[in-house]
C-alpha atoms as a PDB file:
ATOM      1  CA  MET A   1      21.087   2.710 -15.994  1.00  0.00           C
ATOM      2  CA  ASN A   2      21.075   6.313 -14.818  1.00  0.00           C
ATOM      3  CA  ILE A   3      17.660   7.262 -13.425  1.00  0.00           C
ATOM      4  CA  ILE A   4      16.624  10.889 -12.871  1.00  0.00           C
ATOM      5  CA  PHE A   5      14.090  11.244 -10.053  1.00  0.00           C
ATOM      6  CA  PHE A   6      11.750  14.236 -10.169  1.00  0.00           C
ATOM      7  CA  GLY A   7       9.724  15.671  -7.288  1.00  0.00           C
ATOM      8  CA  THR A   8      11.931  13.999  -4.707  1.00  0.00           C
ATOM      9  CA  ARG A   9      11.033  14.141  -1.023  1.00  0.00           C
ATOM     10  CA  GLU A  10      13.067  13.089   1.979  1.00  0.00           C
ATOM     11  CA  TYR A  11      11.058   9.879   2.332  1.00  0.00           C
ATOM     12  CA  ASP A  12      11.958   8.848  -1.240  1.00  0.00           C
ATOM     13  CA  HIS A  13      15.541   8.297  -0.073  1.00  0.00           C
ATOM     14  CA  LEU A  14      14.382   5.878   2.629  1.00  0.00           C
ATOM     15  CA  TYR A  15      14.326   2.825   0.369  1.00  0.00           C
ATOM     16  CA  PHE A  16      15.556   3.953  -3.061  1.00  0.00           C
ATOM     17  CA  ASP A  17      19.020   4.793  -1.709  1.00  0.00           C
ATOM     18  CA  ARG A  18      19.391   1.276  -0.346  1.00  0.00           C
ATOM     19  CA  LEU A  19      18.288  -0.377  -3.563  1.00  0.00           C
ATOM     20  CA  ALA A  20      20.434   1.853  -5.766  1.00  0.00           C
ATOM     21  CA  ALA A  21      23.462   0.713  -3.742  1.00  0.00           C
ATOM     22  CA  ASP A  22      22.646  -2.915  -4.559  1.00  0.00           C
ATOM     23  CA  PRO A  23      24.819  -4.072  -7.529  1.00  0.00           C
ATOM     24  CA  ALA A  24      22.023  -6.450  -8.551  1.00  0.00           C
ATOM     25  CA  TYR A  25      20.050  -3.493  -9.925  1.00  0.00           C
ATOM     26  CA  GLY A  26      22.952  -1.825 -11.730  1.00  0.00           C
ATOM     27  CA  CYS A  27      21.386   1.621 -11.339  1.00  0.00           C
ATOM     28  CA  THR A  28      22.491   5.056 -10.278  1.00  0.00           C
ATOM     29  CA  ILE A  29      19.956   7.640  -9.161  1.00  0.00           C
ATOM     30  CA  ARG A  30      20.076  11.428  -9.361  1.00  0.00           C
ATOM     31  CA  PHE A  31      17.440  13.016  -7.147  1.00  0.00           C
ATOM     32  CA  LEU A  32      15.853  16.339  -8.127  1.00  0.00           C
ATOM     33  CA  ALA A  33      13.540  18.349  -5.883  1.00  0.00           C
ATOM     34  CA  ALA A  34      11.901  19.956  -8.921  1.00  0.00           C
ATOM     35  CA  ASN A  35       8.762  18.233 -10.140  1.00  0.00           C
ATOM     36  CA  LEU A  36       8.485  17.073 -13.720  1.00  0.00           C
ATOM     37  CA  ASP A  37       6.927  19.453 -16.249  1.00  0.00           C
ATOM     38  CA  PRO A  38       7.864  20.867 -19.679  1.00  0.00           C
ATOM     39  CA  ASP A  39      10.241  23.412 -18.118  1.00  0.00           C
ATOM     40  CA  THR A  40      12.126  20.929 -15.918  1.00  0.00           C
ATOM     41  CA  ALA A  41      12.200  18.013 -18.386  1.00  0.00           C
ATOM     42  CA  PRO A  42      15.546  19.133 -19.957  1.00  0.00           C
ATOM     43  CA  LEU A  43      17.183  18.495 -16.551  1.00  0.00           C
ATOM     44  CA  ALA A  44      16.938  14.799 -17.413  1.00  0.00           C
ATOM     45  CA  LYS A  45      19.646  15.151 -20.073  1.00  0.00           C
ATOM     46  CA  GLY A  46      22.363  12.582 -19.473  1.00  0.00           C
ATOM     47  CA  GLY A  47      19.974  10.107 -17.932  1.00  0.00           C
ATOM     48  CA  ASP A  48      18.539   6.913 -19.356  1.00  0.00           C
ATOM     49  CA  ALA A  49      15.241   6.974 -17.505  1.00  0.00           C
ATOM     50  CA  VAL A  50      13.023   9.343 -15.569  1.00  0.00           C
ATOM     51  CA  CYS A  51      11.075   8.472 -12.422  1.00  0.00           C
ATOM     52  CA  ALA A  52       7.906  10.509 -11.800  1.00  0.00           C
ATOM     53  CA  PHE A  53       4.996  10.510  -9.389  1.00  0.00           C
ATOM     54  CA  VAL A  54       1.240  10.937  -9.472  1.00  0.00           C
ATOM     55  CA  ASN A  55       1.482  14.751  -9.333  1.00  0.00           C
ATOM     56  CA  SER A  56       3.983  15.040 -12.191  1.00  0.00           C
ATOM     57  CA  ASP A  57       3.107  16.688 -15.496  1.00  0.00           C
ATOM     58  CA  CYS A  58       3.588  13.905 -18.034  1.00  0.00           C
ATOM     59  CA  SER A  59       1.827  15.693 -20.857  1.00  0.00           C
ATOM     60  CA  ALA A  60       2.821  15.560 -24.514  1.00  0.00           C
ATOM     61  CA  ALA A  61       4.952  18.693 -24.149  1.00  0.00           C
ATOM     62  CA  THR A  62       6.885  17.160 -21.257  1.00  0.00           C
ATOM     63  CA  LEU A  63       7.369  13.820 -23.002  1.00  0.00           C
ATOM     64  CA  GLU A  64       8.621  15.492 -26.165  1.00  0.00           C
ATOM     65  CA  ARG A  65      11.285  17.326 -24.179  1.00  0.00           C
ATOM     66  CA  LEU A  66      12.247  14.140 -22.371  1.00  0.00           C
ATOM     67  CA  ALA A  67      12.687  12.404 -25.708  1.00  0.00           C
ATOM     68  CA  GLU A  68      14.877  15.280 -26.886  1.00  0.00           C
ATOM     69  CA  ALA A  69      16.986  14.758 -23.754  1.00  0.00           C
ATOM     70  CA  GLY A  70      17.491  11.110 -24.709  1.00  0.00           C
ATOM     71  CA  ILE A  71      15.033   9.556 -22.261  1.00  0.00           C
ATOM     72  CA  ARG A  72      13.462   6.290 -23.384  1.00  0.00           C
ATOM     73  CA  LEU A  73      11.874   5.085 -20.148  1.00  0.00           C
ATOM     74  CA  LEU A  74       9.338   6.710 -17.812  1.00  0.00           C
ATOM     75  CA  LEU A  75       9.065   4.989 -14.431  1.00  0.00           C
ATOM     76  CA  MET A  76       5.911   5.913 -12.547  1.00  0.00           C
ATOM     77  CA  ARG A  77       6.442   5.220  -8.848  1.00  0.00           C
ATOM     78  CA  CYS A  78       2.691   4.925  -8.333  1.00  0.00           C
ATOM     79  CA  ALA A  79      -0.258   2.908  -9.583  1.00  0.00           C
ATOM     80  CA  GLY A  80      -2.117   5.722 -11.339  1.00  0.00           C
ATOM     81  CA  PHE A  81      -1.141   6.922 -14.796  1.00  0.00           C
ATOM     82  CA  ASN A  82      -4.001   9.243 -15.763  1.00  0.00           C
ATOM     83  CA  ASN A  83      -1.462  12.111 -15.763  1.00  0.00           C
ATOM     84  CA  VAL A  84       0.530  10.434 -18.555  1.00  0.00           C
ATOM     85  CA  ASP A  85      -0.260  11.098 -22.221  1.00  0.00           C
ATOM     86  CA  LEU A  86       0.224   7.512 -23.380  1.00  0.00           C
ATOM     87  CA  LYS A  87      -0.273   8.291 -27.065  1.00  0.00           C
ATOM     88  CA  ALA A  88       2.426  10.956 -26.882  1.00  0.00           C
ATOM     89  CA  ALA A  89       4.721   8.544 -25.028  1.00  0.00           C
ATOM     90  CA  LYS A  90       4.335   5.994 -27.803  1.00  0.00           C
ATOM     91  CA  ALA A  91       4.972   8.623 -30.471  1.00  0.00           C
ATOM     92  CA  CYS A  92       8.129   9.728 -28.614  1.00  0.00           C
ATOM     93  CA  GLY A  93       9.392   6.174 -28.236  1.00  0.00           C
ATOM     94  CA  ILE A  94       9.148   6.308 -24.426  1.00  0.00           C
ATOM     95  CA  THR A  95       8.160   3.152 -22.552  1.00  0.00           C
ATOM     96  CA  VAL A  96       5.940   3.738 -19.516  1.00  0.00           C
ATOM     97  CA  LEU A  97       6.117   1.394 -16.521  1.00  0.00           C
ATOM     98  CA  ARG A  98       4.156   1.696 -13.272  1.00  0.00           C
ATOM     99  CA  VAL A  99       3.673   0.072  -9.874  1.00  0.00           C
ATOM    100  CA  PRO A 100       0.241  -1.576 -10.163  1.00  0.00           C
ATOM    101  CA  GLY A 101       0.088  -2.790  -6.578  1.00  0.00           C
ATOM    102  CA  TYR A 102       2.200  -1.878  -3.573  1.00  0.00           C
ATOM    103  CA  SER A 103       0.141  -2.131  -0.381  1.00  0.00           C
ATOM    104  CA  PRO A 104      -3.605  -2.286  -1.030  1.00  0.00           C
ATOM    105  CA  GLU A 105      -4.169  -2.522   2.702  1.00  0.00           C
ATOM    106  CA  ALA A 106      -2.437   0.831   3.274  1.00  0.00           C
ATOM    107  CA  VAL A 107      -4.980   2.657   1.110  1.00  0.00           C
ATOM    108  CA  ALA A 108      -7.936   0.634   2.381  1.00  0.00           C
ATOM    109  CA  GLU A 109      -7.011   1.248   6.023  1.00  0.00           C
ATOM    110  CA  HIS A 110      -6.807   4.986   5.331  1.00  0.00           C
ATOM    111  CA  ALA A 111     -10.189   4.863   3.613  1.00  0.00           C
ATOM    112  CA  MET A 112     -11.747   3.332   6.709  1.00  0.00           C
ATOM    113  CA  ALA A 113      -9.909   5.854   8.904  1.00  0.00           C
ATOM    114  CA  LEU A 114     -11.454   8.676   6.870  1.00  0.00           C
ATOM    115  CA  ALA A 115     -14.887   7.059   7.091  1.00  0.00           C
ATOM    116  CA  LEU A 116     -14.636   6.780  10.870  1.00  0.00           C
ATOM    117  CA  ALA A 117     -13.179  10.264  11.311  1.00  0.00           C
ATOM    118  CA  ALA A 118     -15.908  11.866   9.206  1.00  0.00           C
ATOM    119  CA  ASN A 119     -18.768   9.852  10.667  1.00  0.00           C
ATOM    120  CA  ARG A 120     -17.720  10.132  14.319  1.00  0.00           C
ATOM    121  CA  ARG A 121     -16.410  13.738  14.034  1.00  0.00           C
ATOM    122  CA  ILE A 122     -12.987  12.690  15.334  1.00  0.00           C
ATOM    123  CA  CYS A 123     -11.208  15.843  14.144  1.00  0.00           C
ATOM    124  CA  LYS A 124     -13.822  18.128  15.647  1.00  0.00           C
ATOM    125  CA  GLY A 125     -13.820  16.138  18.894  1.00  0.00           C
ATOM    126  CA  TYR A 126     -10.037  16.368  19.159  1.00  0.00           C
ATOM    127  CA  ILE A 127     -10.074  20.142  18.669  1.00  0.00           C
ATOM    128  CA  LYS A 128     -12.836  20.540  21.269  1.00  0.00           C
ATOM    129  CA  VAL A 129     -10.861  18.610  23.883  1.00  0.00           C
ATOM    130  CA  ARG A 130      -7.690  20.565  23.065  1.00  0.00           C
ATOM    131  CA  ASN A 131      -9.735  23.667  23.931  1.00  0.00           C
ATOM    132  CA  ASN A 132     -10.914  22.075  27.202  1.00  0.00           C
ATOM    133  CA  ASN A 133     -14.405  21.573  25.778  1.00  0.00           C
ATOM    134  CA  PHE A 134     -15.663  18.130  26.762  1.00  0.00           C
ATOM    135  CA  ALA A 135     -19.277  18.596  25.637  1.00  0.00           C
ATOM    136  CA  LEU A 136     -20.609  16.065  23.131  1.00  0.00           C
ATOM    137  CA  ASP A 137     -22.676  18.549  21.133  1.00  0.00           C
ATOM    138  CA  GLY A 138     -22.073  18.204  17.391  1.00  0.00           C
ATOM    139  CA  LEU A 139     -20.310  14.834  17.672  1.00  0.00           C
ATOM    140  CA  LEU A 140     -23.218  12.422  17.130  1.00  0.00           C
ATOM    141  CA  GLY A 141     -22.410   9.660  14.644  1.00  0.00           C
ATOM    142  CA  HIS A 142     -23.849   6.462  13.166  1.00  0.00           C
ATOM    143  CA  ASN A 143     -22.995   2.798  13.707  1.00  0.00           C
ATOM    144  CA  PHE A 144     -21.286   1.054  10.797  1.00  0.00           C
ATOM    145  CA  TYR A 145     -21.919  -2.329  12.399  1.00  0.00           C
ATOM    146  CA  GLY A 146     -25.026  -3.890  10.892  1.00  0.00           C
ATOM    147  CA  GLY A 147     -25.044  -1.433   7.981  1.00  0.00           C
ATOM    148  CA  ALA A 148     -24.179  -1.903   4.314  1.00  0.00           C
ATOM    149  CA  ALA A 149     -20.847  -0.957   2.745  1.00  0.00           C
ATOM    150  CA  GLY A 150     -20.767  -0.167  -0.965  1.00  0.00           C
ATOM    151  CA  ILE A 151     -17.378  -0.752  -2.631  1.00  0.00           C
ATOM    152  CA  VAL A 152     -17.103   0.861  -6.070  1.00  0.00           C
ATOM    153  CA  GLY A 153     -14.181  -0.817  -7.811  1.00  0.00           C
ATOM    154  CA  THR A 154     -13.031  -4.178  -6.481  1.00  0.00           C
ATOM    155  CA  GLY A 155      -9.421  -4.482  -7.526  1.00  0.00           C
ATOM    156  CA  ARG A 156      -6.753  -5.097  -4.893  1.00  0.00           C
ATOM    157  CA  ILE A 157      -7.551  -1.979  -2.875  1.00  0.00           C
ATOM    158  CA  GLY A 158     -11.322  -2.358  -3.168  1.00  0.00           C
ATOM    159  CA  ALA A 159     -11.043  -5.993  -2.118  1.00  0.00           C
ATOM    160  CA  ALA A 160      -8.951  -4.994   0.913  1.00  0.00           C
ATOM    161  CA  MET A 161     -11.597  -2.411   1.839  1.00  0.00           C
ATOM    162  CA  ALA A 162     -14.315  -5.055   1.445  1.00  0.00           C
ATOM    163  CA  ARG A 163     -12.516  -7.302   3.922  1.00  0.00           C
ATOM    164  CA  ILE A 164     -12.186  -4.441   6.416  1.00  0.00           C
ATOM    165  CA  CYS A 165     -15.887  -3.593   6.131  1.00  0.00           C
ATOM    166  CA  ALA A 166     -16.829  -7.229   6.605  1.00  0.00           C
ATOM    167  CA  GLY A 167     -14.678  -7.214   9.738  1.00  0.00           C
ATOM    168  CA  PHE A 168     -16.720  -4.277  11.002  1.00  0.00           C
ATOM    169  CA  GLY A 169     -19.836  -6.423  10.736  1.00  0.00           C
ATOM    170  CA  MET A 170     -21.158  -4.766   7.588  1.00  0.00           C
ATOM    171  CA  THR A 171     -22.946  -6.334   4.640  1.00  0.00           C
ATOM    172  CA  VAL A 172     -20.669  -5.728   1.639  1.00  0.00           C
ATOM    173  CA  LEU A 173     -22.117  -4.655  -1.716  1.00  0.00           C
ATOM    174  CA  ALA A 174     -19.821  -4.277  -4.703  1.00  0.00           C
ATOM    175  CA  TYR A 175     -19.868  -2.752  -8.153  1.00  0.00           C
ATOM    176  CA  ASP A 176     -17.270  -3.366 -10.844  1.00  0.00           C
ATOM    177  CA  VAL A 177     -17.264  -4.027 -14.564  1.00  0.00           C
ATOM    178  CA  TYR A 178     -14.956  -6.963 -13.804  1.00  0.00           C
ATOM    179  CA  PRO A 179     -16.051  -8.838 -10.637  1.00  0.00           C
ATOM    180  CA  ASN A 180     -13.230 -10.078  -8.404  1.00  0.00           C
ATOM    181  CA  PRO A 181     -13.451 -13.864  -7.805  1.00  0.00           C
ATOM    182  CA  ALA A 182     -11.554 -13.398  -4.531  1.00  0.00           C
ATOM    183  CA  LEU A 183     -14.638 -11.693  -3.065  1.00  0.00           C
ATOM    184  CA  GLU A 184     -16.977 -14.603  -3.690  1.00  0.00           C
ATOM    185  CA  GLY A 185     -18.920 -15.260  -0.517  1.00  0.00           C
ATOM    186  CA  LEU A 186     -17.772 -11.967   1.001  1.00  0.00           C
ATOM    187  CA  ALA A 187     -19.416  -9.373  -1.249  1.00  0.00           C
ATOM    188  CA  ARG A 188     -22.544  -9.317  -3.384  1.00  0.00           C
ATOM    189  CA  TYR A 189     -22.236  -7.605  -6.760  1.00  0.00           C
ATOM    190  CA  VAL A 190     -25.080  -5.247  -7.614  1.00  0.00           C
ATOM    191  CA  SER A 191     -25.737  -2.407 -10.028  1.00  0.00           C
ATOM    192  CA  LEU A 192     -24.245   0.978  -9.243  1.00  0.00           C
ATOM    193  CA  GLU A 193     -27.717   2.409  -8.668  1.00  0.00           C
ATOM    194  CA  GLU A 194     -28.621  -0.301  -6.145  1.00  0.00           C
ATOM    195  CA  LEU A 195     -25.314   0.154  -4.359  1.00  0.00           C
ATOM    196  CA  LEU A 196     -25.745   3.925  -4.046  1.00  0.00           C
ATOM    197  CA  ARG A 197     -29.348   3.615  -2.871  1.00  0.00           C
ATOM    198  CA  THR A 198     -28.572   0.917  -0.292  1.00  0.00           C
ATOM    199  CA  ALA A 199     -25.117   1.576   1.153  1.00  0.00           C
ATOM    200  CA  ASP A 200     -24.493   3.370   4.440  1.00  0.00           C
ATOM    201  CA  LEU A 201     -20.820   3.702   3.491  1.00  0.00           C
ATOM    202  CA  VAL A 202     -19.764   4.286  -0.125  1.00  0.00           C
ATOM    203  CA  SER A 203     -16.036   3.945  -0.787  1.00  0.00           C
ATOM    204  CA  LEU A 204     -14.526   4.657  -4.223  1.00  0.00           C
ATOM    205  CA  HIS A 205     -11.650   2.461  -5.424  1.00  0.00           C
ATOM    206  CA  CYS A 206     -11.722   2.674  -9.217  1.00  0.00           C
ATOM    207  CA  PRO A 207      -9.333   4.245 -11.756  1.00  0.00           C
ATOM    208  CA  LEU A 208     -10.082   7.578 -13.384  1.00  0.00           C
ATOM    209  CA  ASN A 209     -11.011   7.324 -17.046  1.00  0.00           C
ATOM    210  CA  GLU A 210     -13.696   8.619 -19.363  1.00  0.00           C
ATOM    211  CA  SER A 211     -16.296   6.171 -18.050  1.00  0.00           C
ATOM    212  CA  THR A 212     -15.634   6.903 -14.360  1.00  0.00           C
ATOM    213  CA  ARG A 213     -15.012  10.659 -14.446  1.00  0.00           C
ATOM    214  CA  HIS A 214     -17.654  12.378 -12.278  1.00  0.00           C
ATOM    215  CA  LEU A 215     -19.152   9.023 -11.365  1.00  0.00           C
ATOM    216  CA  ILE A 216     -20.529  10.789  -8.298  1.00  0.00           C
ATOM    217  CA  ASN A 217     -22.432  13.762  -9.696  1.00  0.00           C
ATOM    218  CA  ALA A 218     -25.642  15.780  -9.503  1.00  0.00           C
ATOM    219  CA  GLU A 219     -27.622  12.810 -10.839  1.00  0.00           C
ATOM    220  CA  THR A 220     -26.103  10.034  -8.713  1.00  0.00           C
ATOM    221  CA  ILE A 221     -25.769  11.909  -5.405  1.00  0.00           C
ATOM    222  CA  PRO A 222     -29.578  12.108  -4.862  1.00  0.00           C
ATOM    223  CA  MET A 223     -29.695   8.311  -5.115  1.00  0.00           C
ATOM    224  CA  MET A 224     -27.585   8.041  -1.972  1.00  0.00           C
ATOM    225  CA  ARG A 225     -28.916   8.051   1.557  1.00  0.00           C
ATOM    226  CA  ASP A 226     -28.800  11.355   3.401  1.00  0.00           C
ATOM    227  CA  SER A 227     -27.194   9.421   6.278  1.00  0.00           C
ATOM    228  CA  ALA A 228     -24.513   7.797   4.094  1.00  0.00           C
ATOM    229  CA  THR A 229     -20.777   8.339   4.458  1.00  0.00           C
ATOM    230  CA  LEU A 230     -18.846   8.917   1.225  1.00  0.00           C
ATOM    231  CA  VAL A 231     -15.104   8.209   0.951  1.00  0.00           C
ATOM    232  CA  ASN A 232     -12.690   8.747  -1.939  1.00  0.00           C
ATOM    233  CA  THR A 233      -9.071   7.586  -1.812  1.00  0.00           C
ATOM    234  CA  SER A 234      -8.718   6.961  -5.566  1.00  0.00           C
ATOM    235  CA  ARG A 235      -8.781  10.016  -7.846  1.00  0.00           C
ATOM    236  CA  GLY A 236     -10.411  13.378  -7.285  1.00  0.00           C
ATOM    237  CA  GLY A 237     -12.082  13.384 -10.684  1.00  0.00           C
ATOM    238  CA  LEU A 238     -14.395  10.559  -9.662  1.00  0.00           C
ATOM    239  CA  ILE A 239     -16.492  13.140  -7.805  1.00  0.00           C
ATOM    240  CA  HIS A 240     -17.958  16.285  -9.337  1.00  0.00           C
ATOM    241  CA  THR A 241     -16.809  18.789  -6.723  1.00  0.00           C
ATOM    242  CA  GLN A 242     -19.500  21.410  -7.176  1.00  0.00           C
ATOM    243  CA  ALA A 243     -22.232  18.771  -7.059  1.00  0.00           C
ATOM    244  CA  LEU A 244     -20.745  17.478  -3.808  1.00  0.00           C
ATOM    245  CA  ILE A 245     -20.585  20.970  -2.288  1.00  0.00           C
ATOM    246  CA  ASP A 246     -24.180  21.675  -3.332  1.00  0.00           C
ATOM    247  CA  ALA A 247     -25.264  18.409  -1.700  1.00  0.00           C
ATOM    248  CA  LEU A 248     -23.383  19.188   1.515  1.00  0.00           C
ATOM    249  CA  ARG A 249     -25.129  22.562   1.675  1.00  0.00           C
ATOM    250  CA  ARG A 250     -28.422  20.662   1.572  1.00  0.00           C
ATOM    251  CA  ARG A 251     -27.162  18.666   4.582  1.00  0.00           C
ATOM    252  CA  LYS A 252     -26.588  15.538   2.504  1.00  0.00           C
ATOM    253  CA  PHE A 253     -24.294  12.838   3.958  1.00  0.00           C
ATOM    254  CA  ALA A 254     -23.447  11.905   7.514  1.00  0.00           C
ATOM    255  CA  GLY A 255     -19.819  12.336   6.599  1.00  0.00           C
ATOM    256  CA  VAL A 256     -17.437  12.752   3.676  1.00  0.00           C
ATOM    257  CA  GLY A 257     -13.791  11.665   3.743  1.00  0.00           C
ATOM    258  CA  LEU A 258     -11.524  12.766   0.902  1.00  0.00           C
ATOM    259  CA  ASP A 259      -7.866  11.940   0.401  1.00  0.00           C
ATOM    260  CA  VAL A 260      -8.091  13.257  -3.164  1.00  0.00           C
ATOM    261  CA  TYR A 261     -10.079  16.023  -4.813  1.00  0.00           C
ATOM    262  CA  GLU A 262     -10.374  17.713  -8.183  1.00  0.00           C
ATOM    263  CA  ASP A 263      -7.685  20.214  -9.203  1.00  0.00           C
ATOM    264  CA  GLU A 264      -5.293  19.099  -6.476  1.00  0.00           C
ATOM    265  CA  ASP A 265      -2.323  19.352  -8.869  1.00  0.00           C
ATOM    266  CA  GLY A 266       0.037  22.123  -7.864  1.00  0.00           C
ATOM    267  CA  GLN A 267      -1.151  21.913  -4.274  1.00  0.00           C
ATOM    268  CA  VAL A 268      -0.842  18.290  -3.200  1.00  0.00           C
ATOM    269  CA  PHE A 269       2.375  17.406  -1.307  1.00  0.00           C
ATOM    270  CA  GLU A 270       3.284  21.105  -0.952  1.00  0.00           C
ATOM    271  CA  ASP A 271       3.467  23.277   2.169  1.00  0.00           C
ATOM    272  CA  PHE A 272       1.327  26.416   1.996  1.00  0.00           C
ATOM    273  CA  SER A 273       1.182  27.057   5.734  1.00  0.00           C
ATOM    274  CA  ASP A 274       2.704  30.530   5.220  1.00  0.00           C
ATOM    275  CA  ASP A 275       1.011  31.224   1.921  1.00  0.00           C
ATOM    276  CA  VAL A 276      -2.441  31.785   0.440  1.00  0.00           C
ATOM    277  CA  LEU A 277      -4.179  28.874  -1.249  1.00  0.00           C
ATOM    278  CA  ARG A 278      -5.033  29.547  -4.874  1.00  0.00           C
ATOM    279  CA  ASN A 279      -7.352  26.559  -4.954  1.00  0.00           C
ATOM    280  CA  GLU A 280     -10.641  27.348  -3.225  1.00  0.00           C
ATOM    281  CA  VAL A 281     -11.914  23.761  -3.094  1.00  0.00           C
ATOM    282  CA  VAL A 282     -10.303  22.694   0.193  1.00  0.00           C
ATOM    283  CA  PRO A 283     -11.340  25.740   2.280  1.00  0.00           C
ATOM    284  CA  VAL A 284     -14.933  25.347   1.074  1.00  0.00           C
ATOM    285  CA  LEU A 285     -14.990  21.623   1.807  1.00  0.00           C
ATOM    286  CA  LEU A 286     -13.462  22.123   5.253  1.00  0.00           C
ATOM    287  CA  SER A 287     -16.167  24.653   6.095  1.00  0.00           C
ATOM    288  CA  PHE A 288     -18.518  21.686   6.544  1.00  0.00           C
ATOM    289  CA  PRO A 289     -18.295  20.018   9.972  1.00  0.00           C
ATOM    290  CA  ASN A 290     -18.844  16.530   8.530  1.00  0.00           C
ATOM    291  CA  VAL A 291     -16.004  16.651   5.984  1.00  0.00           C
ATOM    292  CA  VAL A 292     -12.449  15.387   6.548  1.00  0.00           C
ATOM    293  CA  VAL A 293      -9.732  16.065   3.951  1.00  0.00           C
ATOM    294  CA  THR A 294      -6.206  14.640   3.864  1.00  0.00           C
ATOM    295  CA  SER A 295      -3.452  15.304   1.331  1.00  0.00           C
ATOM    296  CA  HIS A 296      -3.203  12.215  -0.877  1.00  0.00           C
ATOM    297  CA  GLN A 297      -1.574  10.254   1.948  1.00  0.00           C
ATOM    298  CA  ALA A 298      -3.512   6.992   1.802  1.00  0.00           C
ATOM    299  CA  PHE A 299      -0.528   5.156   0.298  1.00  0.00           C
ATOM    300  CA  PHE A 300       1.928   6.600   2.803  1.00  0.00           C
ATOM    301  CA  THR A 301       3.132   3.714   4.961  1.00  0.00           C
ATOM    302  CA  ARG A 302       6.579   2.183   5.296  1.00  0.00           C
ATOM    303  CA  THR A 303       5.334  -1.080   3.816  1.00  0.00           C
ATOM    304  CA  ALA A 304       3.959   0.713   0.756  1.00  0.00           C
ATOM    305  CA  LEU A 305       7.075   2.858   0.215  1.00  0.00           C
ATOM    306  CA  GLN A 306       9.311  -0.197   0.336  1.00  0.00           C
ATOM    307  CA  SER A 307       7.113  -2.067  -2.123  1.00  0.00           C
ATOM    308  CA  ILE A 308       7.002   0.934  -4.482  1.00  0.00           C
ATOM    309  CA  ALA A 309      10.789   1.218  -4.449  1.00  0.00           C
ATOM    310  CA  ILE A 310      11.342  -2.493  -5.104  1.00  0.00           C
ATOM    311  CA  THR A 311       8.861  -2.686  -7.988  1.00  0.00           C
ATOM    312  CA  THR A 312      10.180   0.523  -9.566  1.00  0.00           C
ATOM    313  CA  MET A 313      13.765  -0.736  -9.500  1.00  0.00           C
ATOM    314  CA  GLU A 314      12.716  -4.133 -10.831  1.00  0.00           C
ATOM    315  CA  ASN A 315      10.872  -2.362 -13.660  1.00  0.00           C
ATOM    316  CA  ALA A 316      14.060  -0.456 -14.512  1.00  0.00           C
ATOM    317  CA  ARG A 317      16.184  -3.614 -14.429  1.00  0.00           C
ATOM    318  CA  ALA A 318      13.749  -5.528 -16.648  1.00  0.00           C
ATOM    319  CA  PHE A 319      13.845  -2.718 -19.220  1.00  0.00           C
ATOM    320  CA  ALA A 320      17.656  -2.546 -19.161  1.00  0.00           C
ATOM    321  CA  ARG A 321      17.948  -6.305 -19.660  1.00  0.00           C
ATOM    322  CA  GLY A 322      15.326  -6.498 -22.371  1.00  0.00           C
ATOM    323  CA  GLU A 323      13.140  -8.753 -20.236  1.00  0.00           C
ATOM    324  CA  GLU A 324       9.359  -8.999 -20.185  1.00  0.00           C
ATOM    325  CA  LEU A 325       7.801  -5.727 -19.019  1.00  0.00           C
ATOM    326  CA  LYS A 326       4.973  -6.973 -16.805  1.00  0.00           C
ATOM    327  CA  ASN A 327       4.018  -3.489 -15.621  1.00  0.00           C
ATOM    328  CA  GLU A 328       4.042  -1.644 -18.935  1.00  0.00           C
ATOM    329  CA  VAL A 329       1.230   0.806 -19.634  1.00  0.00           C
ATOM    330  CA  ARG A 330       0.216   1.241 -23.267  1.00  0.00           C
ATOM    331  CA  ALA A 331      -2.105   3.589 -25.097  1.00  0.00           C
END
């Protein structure tokens, strides 16, 4: 199988090169720096499969051009697939496979890092010390120990975050349409309203779909404590950005940690250090002293990258051999 990789970064070679050299997978890989969109899709001609990432444009227009190029398999080297038009994929005869779980702990650890950084003003404190300012003004935080953590979405990542919060000495509240049996005795499932009203730390770990889009909005934000810390390492669309900004202007929240945000496409994973940002969301959010923003890096550990590479290559091999497709995503 000849796989065309789009949106390739240097770190993608770290593990995919090794696996592609393994005869057991029977794959060759052609790496492209260009990200996948309708204009770049024809570059896949001559390949059997395309490998894309969370920031790729997998719209109907892109999938139609991939089908014209002879592509029958779309390998998503990520867990999320909200950027894939699944109905169009089915119509084009393209099978979509993903990596449902790579390292839940990687994302959960980053979520807690964001919570701590936002709550304890770590970034601001670091900058002050770099400027020889050792005063503690503006750095006052809250204890997490003895407080309540609210985990919204208790799949593998949410469960990992629940375990971390329990280790911090927090009471763990959880909300999910499908409770996780693994959290029995560790977390107490409650309604979303009770969780938001009670939790000192609210961490989002649910997929983005029609029922979860803008889950945190102008109606739900007032339910939360003014002293709460809000963290999102899932998908930006879970939070209504303008409602969040309005709340921050009213001095809501002790801290906010975001690894994702709305309209990050076209900006995430890119270097604009010598350019002007077209997206105004990040500069506005960073104008608040209690907000910490990172660039969709929660997954970014060596353990996670290795797991992503292995599962992606196993997905490709299963498709080539006509085996059961355990990680297929369907409309």
